[in-house]
Amino acid sequence: MTKVSCISPSYKTGKYLDGFLDSISEQTFRDFEVVLDHNDPTKREIEQVEDHNEKEDNVTHIVVEGVDPIGVSMNRCIERGTGDYFCIWNIDDLRTPDSLEVMVKALDDNPDVDFVYGNYVKVPQFRGTDGELVDETGKEEWLRIGMILGPFFMVRRSLLEKTGWFDEQLISGADYDLAMRMARRGKGLHIPHILGYYLDEGLGQSTKPNSRQPLERTVIELRYDIRVLDTKLVPQASSEYDLNKITFNDTVIEASDFNE
């Protein structure tokens, strides 16, 4: 069994692929795999991954014809992953070379901790390192009332078995929803260390002008009994989503089980 499985859904990310594969090669921790769920890849993208695997053979490459919802894609990665620990590694986000090593050590050294997360830098350009530092120090208590973990966290397989996986109803809020369940079923630990560089171009599914992010945030607020920030969205959230049902990999669990 591999120590760490990195979940990497991909669609139209070809311009980032070389940098992503380089970042994999630069990791100081080596007992890991990347499960790349590649939606509608070009021939060139497939060749890039094959070339990488000829040298290192640490990318499990799932080629998907067409495009699946992000939750379906991430859950397929979890299903294929063999690691004791899991993390999300978005292709347009680059990790510091010691990112995986630092997180693995934190979990290994703290057996009572279920997930770890750390600081990161928001950058305006891919491969950039200058930007806005996001420091999560001192915010541990916020997790249970609605703070997301950020793009760089690592979780034990054993906690995912308790929380379930990504809700496939959600398009832009699946990671936020899972973070809420993790915080309510497990113990988290903040690492005061920069773990990576988050590309903030405003082009992702959660930042487009037609984003469903505010609506899905409302779904999660209603689901976990958090203060609703935009009450105007409550009727739409209640009618378009099943607030109590979390669906993943042909499994259904109830969100109410995670409320205190």
Protein backbone atom coordinates (compact mmCIF):
# COMPACT_ATOMS: atom_id res chain seq x y z
CA MET A 1 0.00 0.00 0.00
CA THR A 2 1.21 3.50 -0.86
CA LYS A 3 1.58 6.01 1.97
CA VAL A 4 -0.14 8.94 0.22
CA SER A 5 -2.66 9.17 -2.61
CA CYS A 6 -3.03 12.59 -4.25
CA ILE A 7 -6.41 13.26 -5.88
CA SER A 8 -6.11 15.19 -9.15
CA PRO A 9 -9.21 15.80 -11.28
CA SER A 10 -8.44 17.39 -14.63
CA TYR A 11 -10.32 19.02 -17.49
CA LYS A 12 -8.79 21.48 -19.98
CA THR A 13 -5.67 21.90 -17.87
CA GLY A 14 -3.12 21.20 -20.59
CA LYS A 15 -1.24 24.46 -20.14
CA TYR A 16 -0.50 23.52 -16.53
CA LEU A 17 0.36 19.87 -17.04
CA ASP A 18 4.13 20.20 -17.51
CA GLY A 19 4.47 22.31 -14.36
CA PHE A 20 2.27 19.89 -12.42
CA LEU A 21 4.37 16.90 -13.46
CA ASP A 22 7.57 18.82 -12.62
CA SER A 23 6.18 19.55 -9.14
CA ILE A 24 5.52 15.83 -8.65
CA SER A 25 9.15 15.08 -9.50
CA GLU A 26 10.40 17.74 -7.07
CA GLN A 27 8.72 16.30 -3.97
CA THR A 28 11.19 15.28 -1.27
CA PHE A 29 8.75 12.64 0.02
CA ARG A 30 8.61 9.79 -2.46
CA ASP A 31 6.14 7.16 -1.17
CA PHE A 32 3.12 8.63 -2.93
CA GLU A 33 0.96 8.24 -6.00
CA VAL A 34 -1.03 10.77 -7.99
CA VAL A 35 -4.42 9.54 -9.17
CA LEU A 36 -5.12 11.72 -12.21
CA ASP A 37 -8.73 11.60 -13.41
CA HIS A 38 -8.24 13.08 -16.87
CA ASN A 39 -11.49 14.23 -18.49
CA ASP A 40 -11.44 14.52 -22.29
CA PRO A 41 -7.64 14.79 -22.60
CA THR A 42 -5.86 15.64 -25.82
CA LYS A 43 -3.43 13.19 -27.40
CA ARG A 44 -0.58 15.47 -26.39
CA GLU A 45 -1.69 15.49 -22.73
CA ILE A 46 -1.84 11.68 -22.68
CA GLU A 47 1.68 11.56 -24.11
CA GLN A 48 2.95 13.98 -21.45
CA VAL A 49 1.72 11.72 -18.66
CA GLU A 50 3.09 8.62 -20.38
CA ASP A 51 6.50 10.31 -20.72
CA HIS A 52 6.47 11.16 -17.02
CA ASN A 53 5.55 7.60 -16.03
CA GLU A 54 8.39 6.19 -18.09
CA LYS A 55 10.73 8.02 -15.71
CA GLU A 56 8.90 7.76 -12.37
CA ASP A 57 5.75 5.63 -12.74
CA ASN A 58 3.83 7.34 -9.93
CA VAL A 59 0.76 8.66 -11.79
CA THR A 60 -2.31 6.43 -12.01
CA HIS A 61 -3.80 7.84 -15.21
CA ILE A 62 -7.57 7.48 -15.62
CA VAL A 63 -8.60 8.62 -19.10
CA VAL A 64 -12.26 9.65 -19.24
CA GLU A 65 -14.11 10.09 -22.52
CA GLY A 66 -16.22 13.19 -22.11
CA VAL A 67 -16.54 15.25 -18.95
CA ASP A 68 -17.86 14.16 -15.55
CA PRO A 69 -18.91 16.44 -12.66
CA ILE A 70 -16.06 17.38 -10.35
CA GLY A 71 -17.41 15.32 -7.44
CA VAL A 72 -17.65 12.21 -9.58
CA SER A 73 -14.10 12.76 -10.80
CA MET A 74 -12.68 13.20 -7.29
CA ASN A 75 -14.55 10.20 -5.95
CA ARG A 76 -13.17 8.05 -8.74
CA CYS A 77 -9.70 9.11 -7.60
CA ILE A 78 -10.45 8.09 -4.02
CA GLU A 79 -11.79 4.74 -5.20
CA ARG A 80 -8.58 4.03 -7.12
CA GLY A 81 -6.25 5.42 -4.45
CA THR A 82 -4.30 2.97 -2.30
CA GLY A 83 -2.84 5.36 0.26
CA ASP A 84 -3.16 5.56 4.03
CA TYR A 85 -3.41 9.35 3.61
CA PHE A 86 -5.22 11.37 0.93
CA CYS A 87 -4.81 14.92 -0.32
CA ILE A 88 -6.19 17.00 -3.18
CA TRP A 89 -3.61 18.20 -5.69
CA ASN A 90 -5.20 20.50 -8.25
CA ILE A 91 -3.20 20.62 -11.45
CA ASP A 92 -3.01 24.42 -11.50
CA ASP A 93 -1.72 24.56 -7.90
CA LEU A 94 1.97 23.93 -7.29
CA ARG A 95 3.34 22.48 -4.07
CA THR A 96 6.53 23.41 -2.29
CA PRO A 97 9.05 20.55 -2.64
CA ASP A 98 8.61 19.56 1.02
CA SER A 99 4.80 19.89 1.03
CA LEU A 100 3.94 16.19 1.21
CA GLU A 101 6.86 15.45 3.55
CA VAL A 102 5.74 18.07 6.08
CA MET A 103 2.12 16.88 6.10
CA VAL A 104 3.01 13.19 6.35
CA LYS A 105 5.34 13.89 9.27
CA ALA A 106 2.61 15.84 11.07
CA LEU A 107 0.17 12.92 10.77
CA ASP A 108 2.81 10.33 11.64
CA ASP A 109 3.90 12.29 14.72
CA ASN A 110 0.33 12.91 15.92
CA PRO A 111 -1.67 9.66 15.78
CA ASP A 112 -4.67 11.35 17.45
CA VAL A 113 -4.95 13.85 14.56
CA ASP A 114 -7.18 12.96 11.58
CA PHE A 115 -6.30 15.72 9.13
CA VAL A 116 -3.73 18.48 8.73
CA TYR A 117 -3.71 21.72 6.77
CA GLY A 118 -1.36 24.66 6.42
CA ASN A 119 -0.58 28.02 4.91
CA TYR A 120 -0.34 28.85 1.23
CA VAL A 121 0.22 31.74 -1.15
CA LYS A 122 -2.37 33.01 -3.60
CA VAL A 123 -0.57 33.81 -6.84
CA PRO A 124 -1.87 35.53 -9.99
CA GLN A 125 0.30 33.51 -12.39
CA PHE A 126 1.06 29.83 -12.72
CA ARG A 127 4.57 28.95 -11.44
CA GLY A 128 4.61 32.29 -9.61
CA THR A 129 5.68 32.51 -5.96
CA ASP A 130 4.90 36.15 -5.17
CA GLY A 131 1.40 36.82 -3.94
CA GLU A 132 -0.89 36.98 -0.90
CA LEU A 133 0.02 34.77 2.06
CA VAL A 134 -2.98 32.94 3.52
CA ASP A 135 -2.07 32.13 7.13
CA GLU A 136 -4.52 29.80 8.86
CA THR A 137 -2.82 30.06 12.27
CA GLY A 138 -5.24 30.27 15.19
CA LYS A 139 -8.37 29.43 13.18
CA GLU A 140 -8.88 25.85 14.35
CA GLU A 141 -12.19 26.62 16.07
CA TRP A 142 -13.58 28.10 12.86
CA LEU A 143 -13.56 24.75 11.11
CA ARG A 144 -16.72 23.53 12.79
CA ILE A 145 -18.69 26.66 11.90
CA GLY A 146 -17.86 27.03 8.27
CA MET A 147 -14.21 27.68 7.48
CA ILE A 148 -12.88 25.63 4.58
CA LEU A 149 -9.49 23.96 4.83
CA GLY A 150 -7.93 25.60 1.80
CA PRO A 151 -6.38 23.75 -1.15
CA PHE A 152 -3.56 22.06 0.78
CA PHE A 153 -4.72 19.53 3.34
CA MET A 154 -4.15 15.84 4.04
CA VAL A 155 -6.60 13.40 5.64
CA ARG A 156 -6.37 9.86 6.91
CA ARG A 157 -8.22 7.16 4.97
CA SER A 158 -9.81 6.14 8.27
CA LEU A 159 -11.55 9.53 8.57
CA LEU A 160 -12.89 9.38 5.00
CA GLU A 161 -14.44 6.03 5.92
CA LYS A 162 -16.39 7.86 8.65
CA THR A 163 -17.30 11.01 6.73
CA GLY A 164 -18.04 9.65 3.27
CA TRP A 165 -16.59 11.18 0.14
CA PHE A 166 -17.46 14.19 -2.06
CA ASP A 167 -21.16 14.93 -2.57
CA GLU A 168 -21.76 14.47 -6.29
CA GLN A 169 -24.69 16.93 -6.24
CA LEU A 170 -22.29 19.81 -5.71
CA ILE A 171 -20.29 21.51 -8.44
CA SER A 172 -18.27 24.21 -6.69
CA GLY A 173 -18.89 23.37 -3.02
CA ALA A 174 -17.92 19.69 -2.79
CA ASP A 175 -14.62 20.36 -0.98
CA TYR A 176 -16.30 22.78 1.47
CA ASP A 177 -19.00 20.21 2.22
CA LEU A 178 -16.46 17.45 2.89
CA ALA A 179 -14.42 19.81 5.09
CA MET A 180 -17.48 20.36 7.29
CA ARG A 181 -17.92 16.63 7.81
CA MET A 182 -14.22 16.15 8.47
CA ALA A 183 -14.23 18.88 11.12
CA ARG A 184 -17.24 17.31 12.85
CA ARG A 185 -15.93 13.75 12.85
CA GLY A 186 -12.20 14.25 13.22
CA LYS A 187 -9.46 16.27 14.85
CA GLY A 188 -7.51 18.74 12.74
CA LEU A 189 -4.06 20.24 13.13
CA HIS A 190 -2.72 23.40 11.56
CA ILE A 191 0.86 23.31 10.24
CA PRO A 192 2.57 26.74 10.35
CA HIS A 193 4.31 26.15 7.03
CA ILE A 194 3.76 27.27 3.43
CA LEU A 195 2.62 24.14 1.58
CA GLY A 196 2.00 25.50 -1.90
CA TYR A 197 0.92 28.16 -4.35
CA TYR A 198 -2.76 28.52 -5.17
CA LEU A 199 -3.47 29.94 -8.62
CA ASP A 200 -6.12 32.65 -8.25
CA GLU A 201 -7.00 33.61 -11.82
CA GLY A 202 -10.74 33.79 -11.23
CA LEU A 203 -11.29 31.14 -13.89
CA GLY A 204 -12.25 28.10 -11.82
CA GLN A 205 -15.70 26.56 -11.44
CA SER A 206 -16.20 28.42 -8.19
CA THR A 207 -15.12 31.85 -9.47
CA LYS A 208 -16.77 32.22 -12.87
CA PRO A 209 -19.42 34.95 -13.21
CA ASN A 210 -22.14 32.26 -13.48
CA SER A 211 -20.73 30.36 -10.51
CA ARG A 212 -23.01 28.32 -8.31
CA GLN A 213 -20.71 28.97 -5.37
CA PRO A 214 -23.07 31.31 -3.44
CA LEU A 215 -25.98 28.90 -3.95
CA GLU A 216 -23.98 25.86 -2.88
CA ARG A 217 -22.58 27.75 0.10
CA THR A 218 -26.20 28.27 1.14
CA VAL A 219 -26.89 24.54 0.69
CA ILE A 220 -24.02 23.74 3.05
CA GLU A 221 -25.08 26.38 5.58
CA LEU A 222 -28.59 24.92 5.68
CA ARG A 223 -27.31 21.34 5.70
CA TYR A 224 -25.02 21.82 8.72
CA ASP A 225 -27.05 24.44 10.61
CA ILE A 226 -24.60 27.29 10.02
CA ARG A 227 -25.72 30.93 9.92
CA VAL A 228 -27.03 31.59 6.40
CA LEU A 229 -25.27 34.56 4.80
CA ASP A 230 -27.71 35.12 1.92
CA THR A 231 -31.25 34.22 2.93
CA LYS A 232 -32.57 35.11 -0.55
CA LEU A 233 -30.99 31.91 -1.87
CA VAL A 234 -32.73 29.60 0.63
CA PRO A 235 -35.78 28.77 -1.56
CA GLN A 236 -33.62 27.94 -4.59
CA ALA A 237 -31.16 25.90 -2.52
CA SER A 238 -33.99 23.93 -0.94
CA SER A 239 -35.69 23.19 -4.25
CA GLU A 240 -32.66 22.36 -6.43
CA TYR A 241 -30.68 20.25 -3.96
CA ASP A 242 -31.45 17.44 -1.57
CA LEU A 243 -30.19 19.10 1.59
CA ASN A 244 -30.01 15.95 3.71
CA LYS A 245 -28.71 13.43 1.18
CA ILE A 246 -24.99 13.16 0.42
CA THR A 247 -24.40 10.97 -2.62
CA PHE A 248 -21.08 9.45 -3.64
CA ASN A 249 -20.01 6.35 -5.53
CA ASP A 250 -23.56 4.85 -5.48
CA THR A 251 -23.75 5.43 -1.71
CA VAL A 252 -26.12 7.76 0.15
CA ILE A 253 -25.62 9.07 3.69
CA GLU A 254 -27.54 11.68 5.67
CA ALA A 255 -26.10 15.11 6.42
CA SER A 256 -28.16 15.32 9.61
CA ASP A 257 -25.89 12.66 11.12
CA PHE A 258 -23.12 15.28 11.23
CA ASN A 259 -25.06 17.97 13.07
CA GLU A 260 -24.40 18.51 16.72
